[in-house]
Amino acid sequence: MKFQRGVSLNGLLIGSVIFGLVALLAMKVLPEWMEYGKIVKVVKATANDGNLKEASIADVRAAYDKRADIDLIKSVTGQNLDITKENGDFSIAFAYTKKVPLFYNVSLVFDFEGNSAAK
């Protein structure tokens, strides 16, 4: 006896729909996570900048804005940062919410937060 092996049409259609939904989710969500990673990188670089040790909080905000412009960061500006100075070092924290529309009336909402001290 010979048995045929392979994927049925129904299996192919269901697999294609699942793959399509995962691809849609990845295309919508990955840019937001990548921007969050850029923000964390810029916040840490700004907080650890040796040239800003004697700077004011306004100078730190301006330095962040310059770095954010280079990385095309739009979600968090210098005015959105919570900046404190402790023992001569700056501590920078941020938090923001991002709504990602998927399709029709379905959206994902992300609450991002971070600071310059996080590893």
N, C-alpha and C. Protein backbone atom coordinates (compact mmCIF):
# COMPACT_ATOMS: atom_id res chain seq x y z
N MET A 1 0.82 -1.18 0.00
CA MET A 1 0.00 0.00 0.00
C MET A 1 0.87 1.25 0.00
N LYS A 2 0.44 2.22 -0.75
CA LYS A 2 1.15 3.49 -0.78
C LYS A 2 0.27 4.54 -0.13
N PHE A 3 0.88 5.33 0.74
CA PHE A 3 0.16 6.41 1.41
C PHE A 3 0.70 7.74 0.92
N GLN A 4 -0.17 8.64 0.65
CA GLN A 4 0.27 9.97 0.25
C GLN A 4 0.59 10.77 1.51
N ARG A 5 1.60 11.58 1.40
CA ARG A 5 1.99 12.42 2.53
C ARG A 5 2.02 13.86 2.05
N GLY A 6 1.74 14.78 2.96
CA GLY A 6 1.77 16.18 2.58
C GLY A 6 0.77 16.99 3.39
N VAL A 7 0.57 18.19 2.96
CA VAL A 7 -0.32 19.11 3.65
C VAL A 7 -1.61 19.23 2.85
N SER A 8 -2.71 19.14 3.55
CA SER A 8 -4.00 19.30 2.87
C SER A 8 -4.25 20.78 2.60
N LEU A 9 -5.23 21.06 1.77
CA LEU A 9 -5.57 22.44 1.44
C LEU A 9 -6.04 23.19 2.69
N ASN A 10 -6.84 22.54 3.52
CA ASN A 10 -7.30 23.17 4.76
C ASN A 10 -6.12 23.50 5.68
N GLY A 11 -5.21 22.59 5.80
CA GLY A 11 -4.02 22.83 6.64
C GLY A 11 -3.18 23.97 6.10
N LEU A 12 -3.06 24.05 4.77
CA LEU A 12 -2.31 25.12 4.15
C LEU A 12 -2.98 26.48 4.39
N LEU A 13 -4.30 26.54 4.27
CA LEU A 13 -5.03 27.79 4.49
C LEU A 13 -4.94 28.24 5.95
N ILE A 14 -5.13 27.34 6.87
CA ILE A 14 -5.05 27.69 8.29
C ILE A 14 -3.63 28.13 8.65
N GLY A 15 -2.64 27.43 8.14
CA GLY A 15 -1.26 27.82 8.38
C GLY A 15 -0.94 29.19 7.80
N SER A 16 -1.48 29.48 6.63
CA SER A 16 -1.25 30.78 5.99
C SER A 16 -1.89 31.91 6.79
N VAL A 17 -3.08 31.69 7.31
CA VAL A 17 -3.75 32.71 8.12
C VAL A 17 -2.96 32.97 9.40
N ILE A 18 -2.52 31.92 10.05
CA ILE A 18 -1.73 32.08 11.28
C ILE A 18 -0.42 32.81 10.98
N PHE A 19 0.24 32.42 9.91
CA PHE A 19 1.49 33.08 9.53
C PHE A 19 1.24 34.56 9.22
N GLY A 20 0.15 34.86 8.53
CA GLY A 20 -0.19 36.25 8.20
C GLY A 20 -0.44 37.09 9.44
N LEU A 21 -1.16 36.54 10.41
CA LEU A 21 -1.43 37.27 11.66
C LEU A 21 -0.14 37.52 12.45
N VAL A 22 0.72 36.53 12.50
CA VAL A 22 2.00 36.71 13.20
C VAL A 22 2.87 37.75 12.48
N ALA A 23 2.87 37.71 11.16
CA ALA A 23 3.64 38.70 10.39
C ALA A 23 3.09 40.10 10.59
N LEU A 24 1.78 40.26 10.60
CA LEU A 24 1.16 41.56 10.84
C LEU A 24 1.52 42.09 12.22
N LEU A 25 1.42 41.23 13.21
CA LEU A 25 1.77 41.61 14.58
C LEU A 25 3.24 42.04 14.66
N ALA A 26 4.12 41.29 14.04
CA ALA A 26 5.55 41.63 14.07
C ALA A 26 5.82 42.96 13.37
N MET A 27 5.18 43.20 12.22
CA MET A 27 5.42 44.44 11.49
C MET A 27 4.91 45.66 12.24
N LYS A 28 3.87 45.51 13.04
CA LYS A 28 3.32 46.63 13.79
C LYS A 28 4.06 46.86 15.11
N VAL A 29 4.49 45.79 15.77
CA VAL A 29 5.04 45.89 17.13
C VAL A 29 6.55 46.12 17.13
N LEU A 30 7.28 45.49 16.24
CA LEU A 30 8.74 45.60 16.26
C LEU A 30 9.27 47.03 16.17
N PRO A 31 8.71 47.90 15.33
CA PRO A 31 9.22 49.27 15.31
C PRO A 31 9.08 49.99 16.65
N GLU A 32 8.01 49.72 17.38
CA GLU A 32 7.82 50.35 18.69
C GLU A 32 8.85 49.86 19.70
N TRP A 33 9.12 48.57 19.68
CA TRP A 33 10.12 48.02 20.59
C TRP A 33 11.53 48.50 20.22
N MET A 34 11.77 48.65 18.93
CA MET A 34 13.07 49.15 18.50
C MET A 34 13.26 50.61 18.92
N GLU A 35 12.20 51.40 18.82
CA GLU A 35 12.29 52.79 19.27
C GLU A 35 12.51 52.85 20.78
N TYR A 36 11.85 51.99 21.53
CA TYR A 36 12.07 51.93 22.98
C TYR A 36 13.54 51.62 23.29
N GLY A 37 14.12 50.69 22.57
CA GLY A 37 15.54 50.37 22.76
C GLY A 37 16.43 51.56 22.46
N LYS A 38 16.09 52.32 21.41
CA LYS A 38 16.86 53.53 21.09
C LYS A 38 16.75 54.56 22.20
N ILE A 39 15.54 54.72 22.75
CA ILE A 39 15.34 55.70 23.82
C ILE A 39 16.17 55.33 25.04
N VAL A 40 16.17 54.06 25.42
CA VAL A 40 16.97 53.62 26.57
C VAL A 40 18.44 53.89 26.32
N LYS A 41 18.91 53.60 25.11
CA LYS A 41 20.31 53.83 24.77
C LYS A 41 20.67 55.31 24.86
N VAL A 42 19.81 56.17 24.33
CA VAL A 42 20.08 57.61 24.34
C VAL A 42 20.01 58.16 25.75
N VAL A 43 19.07 57.70 26.56
CA VAL A 43 18.96 58.16 27.95
C VAL A 43 20.21 57.78 28.73
N LYS A 44 20.68 56.56 28.57
CA LYS A 44 21.90 56.14 29.28
C LYS A 44 23.12 56.92 28.80
N ALA A 45 23.22 57.13 27.50
CA ALA A 45 24.36 57.89 26.97
C ALA A 45 24.34 59.33 27.46
N THR A 46 23.16 59.92 27.54
CA THR A 46 23.05 61.29 28.02
C THR A 46 23.40 61.38 29.50
N ALA A 47 22.92 60.44 30.29
CA ALA A 47 23.19 60.46 31.73
C ALA A 47 24.67 60.22 32.03
N ASN A 48 25.35 59.45 31.19
CA ASN A 48 26.76 59.14 31.43
C ASN A 48 27.72 60.06 30.69
N ASP A 49 27.22 61.08 30.05
CA ASP A 49 28.06 62.02 29.30
C ASP A 49 28.90 62.84 30.28
N GLY A 50 30.19 62.74 30.17
CA GLY A 50 31.10 63.45 31.06
C GLY A 50 31.06 64.95 30.89
N ASN A 51 30.67 65.43 29.73
CA ASN A 51 30.61 66.87 29.49
C ASN A 51 29.43 67.53 30.20
N LEU A 52 28.50 66.74 30.71
CA LEU A 52 27.30 67.29 31.34
C LEU A 52 27.35 67.23 32.87
N LYS A 53 28.51 66.96 33.44
CA LYS A 53 28.61 66.82 34.90
C LYS A 53 28.22 68.11 35.62
N GLU A 54 28.58 69.25 35.09
CA GLU A 54 28.29 70.54 35.72
C GLU A 54 27.16 71.29 35.02
N ALA A 55 26.42 70.60 34.17
CA ALA A 55 25.37 71.24 33.38
C ALA A 55 24.08 71.35 34.18
N SER A 56 23.20 72.19 33.68
CA SER A 56 21.88 72.34 34.30
C SER A 56 20.94 71.28 33.71
N ILE A 57 19.77 71.16 34.30
CA ILE A 57 18.78 70.21 33.80
C ILE A 57 18.33 70.59 32.39
N ALA A 58 18.23 71.88 32.12
CA ALA A 58 17.86 72.33 30.76
C ALA A 58 18.92 71.91 29.74
N ASP A 59 20.19 71.95 30.14
CA ASP A 59 21.26 71.51 29.24
C ASP A 59 21.18 70.01 28.98
N VAL A 60 20.82 69.25 29.99
CA VAL A 60 20.67 67.80 29.82
C VAL A 60 19.51 67.50 28.88
N ARG A 61 18.40 68.22 29.04
CA ARG A 61 17.26 68.04 28.14
C ARG A 61 17.66 68.36 26.68
N ALA A 62 18.41 69.44 26.50
CA ALA A 62 18.86 69.82 25.16
C ALA A 62 19.81 68.76 24.58
N ALA A 63 20.70 68.22 25.42
CA ALA A 63 21.61 67.17 24.95
C ALA A 63 20.83 65.92 24.54
N TYR A 64 19.81 65.56 25.32
CA TYR A 64 18.98 64.41 24.95
C TYR A 64 18.28 64.68 23.62
N ASP A 65 17.71 65.88 23.47
CA ASP A 65 17.00 66.21 22.22
C ASP A 65 17.91 66.10 21.01
N LYS A 66 19.15 66.52 21.15
CA LYS A 66 20.09 66.41 20.02
C LYS A 66 20.35 64.95 19.66
N ARG A 67 20.57 64.12 20.68
CA ARG A 67 20.81 62.69 20.42
C ARG A 67 19.54 62.03 19.86
N ALA A 68 18.38 62.43 20.37
CA ALA A 68 17.12 61.85 19.90
C ALA A 68 16.86 62.22 18.44
N ASP A 69 17.23 63.43 18.05
CA ASP A 69 17.07 63.83 16.65
C ASP A 69 17.92 62.96 15.73
N ILE A 70 19.10 62.61 16.17
CA ILE A 70 19.99 61.77 15.35
C ILE A 70 19.38 60.39 15.17
N ASP A 71 18.78 59.83 16.24
CA ASP A 71 18.19 58.49 16.18
C ASP A 71 16.73 58.49 15.73
N LEU A 72 16.20 59.66 15.34
CA LEU A 72 14.82 59.79 14.87
C LEU A 72 13.80 59.32 15.91
N ILE A 73 14.00 59.72 17.16
CA ILE A 73 13.08 59.37 18.24
C ILE A 73 12.02 60.46 18.33
N LYS A 74 10.76 60.05 18.23
CA LYS A 74 9.65 61.01 18.27
C LYS A 74 8.76 60.83 19.50
N SER A 75 8.80 59.67 20.14
CA SER A 75 7.87 59.38 21.24
C SER A 75 8.20 60.10 22.53
N VAL A 76 9.47 60.33 22.81
CA VAL A 76 9.90 60.97 24.06
C VAL A 76 10.80 62.14 23.71
N THR A 77 10.43 63.32 24.19
CA THR A 77 11.26 64.50 24.00
C THR A 77 11.95 64.84 25.32
N GLY A 78 12.82 65.82 25.28
CA GLY A 78 13.52 66.23 26.49
C GLY A 78 12.58 66.72 27.58
N GLN A 79 11.45 67.28 27.18
CA GLN A 79 10.47 67.76 28.17
C GLN A 79 9.75 66.63 28.87
N ASN A 80 9.75 65.43 28.29
CA ASN A 80 9.08 64.27 28.89
C ASN A 80 9.96 63.53 29.90
N LEU A 81 11.20 63.93 30.04
CA LEU A 81 12.13 63.23 30.92
C LEU A 81 12.01 63.71 32.36
N ASP A 82 12.17 62.80 33.29
CA ASP A 82 12.23 63.12 34.72
C ASP A 82 13.71 63.07 35.11
N ILE A 83 14.31 64.24 35.30
CA ILE A 83 15.76 64.33 35.52
C ILE A 83 16.02 64.78 36.95
N THR A 84 16.86 64.04 37.64
CA THR A 84 17.30 64.42 38.99
C THR A 84 18.82 64.34 39.05
N LYS A 85 19.39 65.12 39.94
CA LYS A 85 20.84 65.11 40.11
C LYS A 85 21.15 64.57 41.49
N GLU A 86 21.92 63.48 41.54
CA GLU A 86 22.28 62.82 42.79
C GLU A 86 23.79 62.67 42.87
N ASN A 87 24.39 63.27 43.87
CA ASN A 87 25.84 63.17 44.08
C ASN A 87 26.64 63.58 42.84
N GLY A 88 26.18 64.59 42.15
CA GLY A 88 26.88 65.08 40.98
C GLY A 88 26.59 64.33 39.70
N ASP A 89 25.80 63.25 39.76
CA ASP A 89 25.45 62.47 38.58
C ASP A 89 23.96 62.65 38.28
N PHE A 90 23.63 62.66 37.00
CA PHE A 90 22.24 62.79 36.61
C PHE A 90 21.57 61.43 36.54
N SER A 91 20.34 61.39 36.99
CA SER A 91 19.50 60.21 36.85
C SER A 91 18.32 60.61 35.98
N ILE A 92 18.12 59.90 34.89
CA ILE A 92 17.08 60.24 33.93
C ILE A 92 16.10 59.08 33.85
N ALA A 93 14.81 59.39 33.97
CA ALA A 93 13.76 58.38 33.86
C ALA A 93 12.71 58.87 32.86
N PHE A 94 11.99 57.93 32.26
CA PHE A 94 10.93 58.26 31.32
C PHE A 94 9.85 57.20 31.38
N ALA A 95 8.67 57.58 30.97
CA ALA A 95 7.55 56.65 30.84
C ALA A 95 6.60 57.21 29.79
N TYR A 96 6.10 56.34 28.94
CA TYR A 96 5.14 56.76 27.93
C TYR A 96 4.29 55.58 27.50
N THR A 97 3.16 55.89 26.92
CA THR A 97 2.22 54.88 26.43
C THR A 97 2.14 54.98 24.91
N LYS A 98 2.15 53.84 24.27
CA LYS A 98 2.08 53.80 22.81
C LYS A 98 0.93 52.88 22.39
N LYS A 99 0.01 53.39 21.59
CA LYS A 99 -1.11 52.62 21.07
C LYS A 99 -0.81 52.22 19.63
N VAL A 100 -0.83 50.92 19.37
CA VAL A 100 -0.51 50.40 18.04
C VAL A 100 -1.78 49.81 17.43
N PRO A 101 -2.35 50.47 16.42
CA PRO A 101 -3.55 49.90 15.77
C PRO A 101 -3.17 48.69 14.92
N LEU A 102 -3.92 47.60 15.06
CA LEU A 102 -3.66 46.40 14.27
C LEU A 102 -4.57 46.34 13.05
N PHE A 103 -5.87 46.23 13.28
CA PHE A 103 -6.84 46.23 12.20
C PHE A 103 -8.21 46.57 12.78
N TYR A 104 -9.04 47.20 11.99
CA TYR A 104 -10.37 47.66 12.39
C TYR A 104 -10.30 48.38 13.73
N ASN A 105 -10.99 47.83 14.74
CA ASN A 105 -10.99 48.48 16.05
C ASN A 105 -10.13 47.72 17.06
N VAL A 106 -9.17 46.95 16.59
CA VAL A 106 -8.28 46.18 17.45
C VAL A 106 -6.94 46.88 17.53
N SER A 107 -6.50 47.17 18.76
CA SER A 107 -5.22 47.85 18.99
C SER A 107 -4.49 47.20 20.14
N LEU A 108 -3.20 47.40 20.16
CA LEU A 108 -2.37 47.01 21.30
C LEU A 108 -1.90 48.28 21.99
N VAL A 109 -1.87 48.26 23.32
CA VAL A 109 -1.38 49.41 24.08
C VAL A 109 -0.19 48.95 24.90
N PHE A 110 0.93 49.67 24.73
CA PHE A 110 2.16 49.36 25.46
C PHE A 110 2.46 50.49 26.43
N ASP A 111 2.83 50.16 27.64
CA ASP A 111 3.31 51.14 28.62
C ASP A 111 4.81 50.93 28.77
N PHE A 112 5.59 51.82 28.18
CA PHE A 112 7.04 51.73 28.24
C PHE A 112 7.55 52.63 29.35
N GLU A 113 8.56 52.18 30.05
CA GLU A 113 9.24 53.01 31.04
C GLU A 113 10.67 52.52 31.18
N GLY A 114 11.52 53.42 31.60
CA GLY A 114 12.92 53.08 31.78
C GLY A 114 13.65 54.20 32.47
N ASN A 115 14.89 53.94 32.79
CA ASN A 115 15.73 54.98 33.41
C ASN A 115 17.18 54.71 33.08
N SER A 116 18.01 55.65 33.45
CA SER A 116 19.43 55.55 33.10
C SER A 116 20.18 54.57 33.99
N ALA A 117 19.58 54.15 35.10
CA ALA A 117 20.26 53.25 36.02
C ALA A 117 20.01 51.78 35.68
N ALA A 118 18.99 51.48 34.87
CA ALA A 118 18.66 50.09 34.55
C ALA A 118 19.77 49.47 33.72
N LYS A 119 20.03 48.22 33.96
CA LYS A 119 21.08 47.49 33.24
C LYS A 119 20.58 46.93 31.96
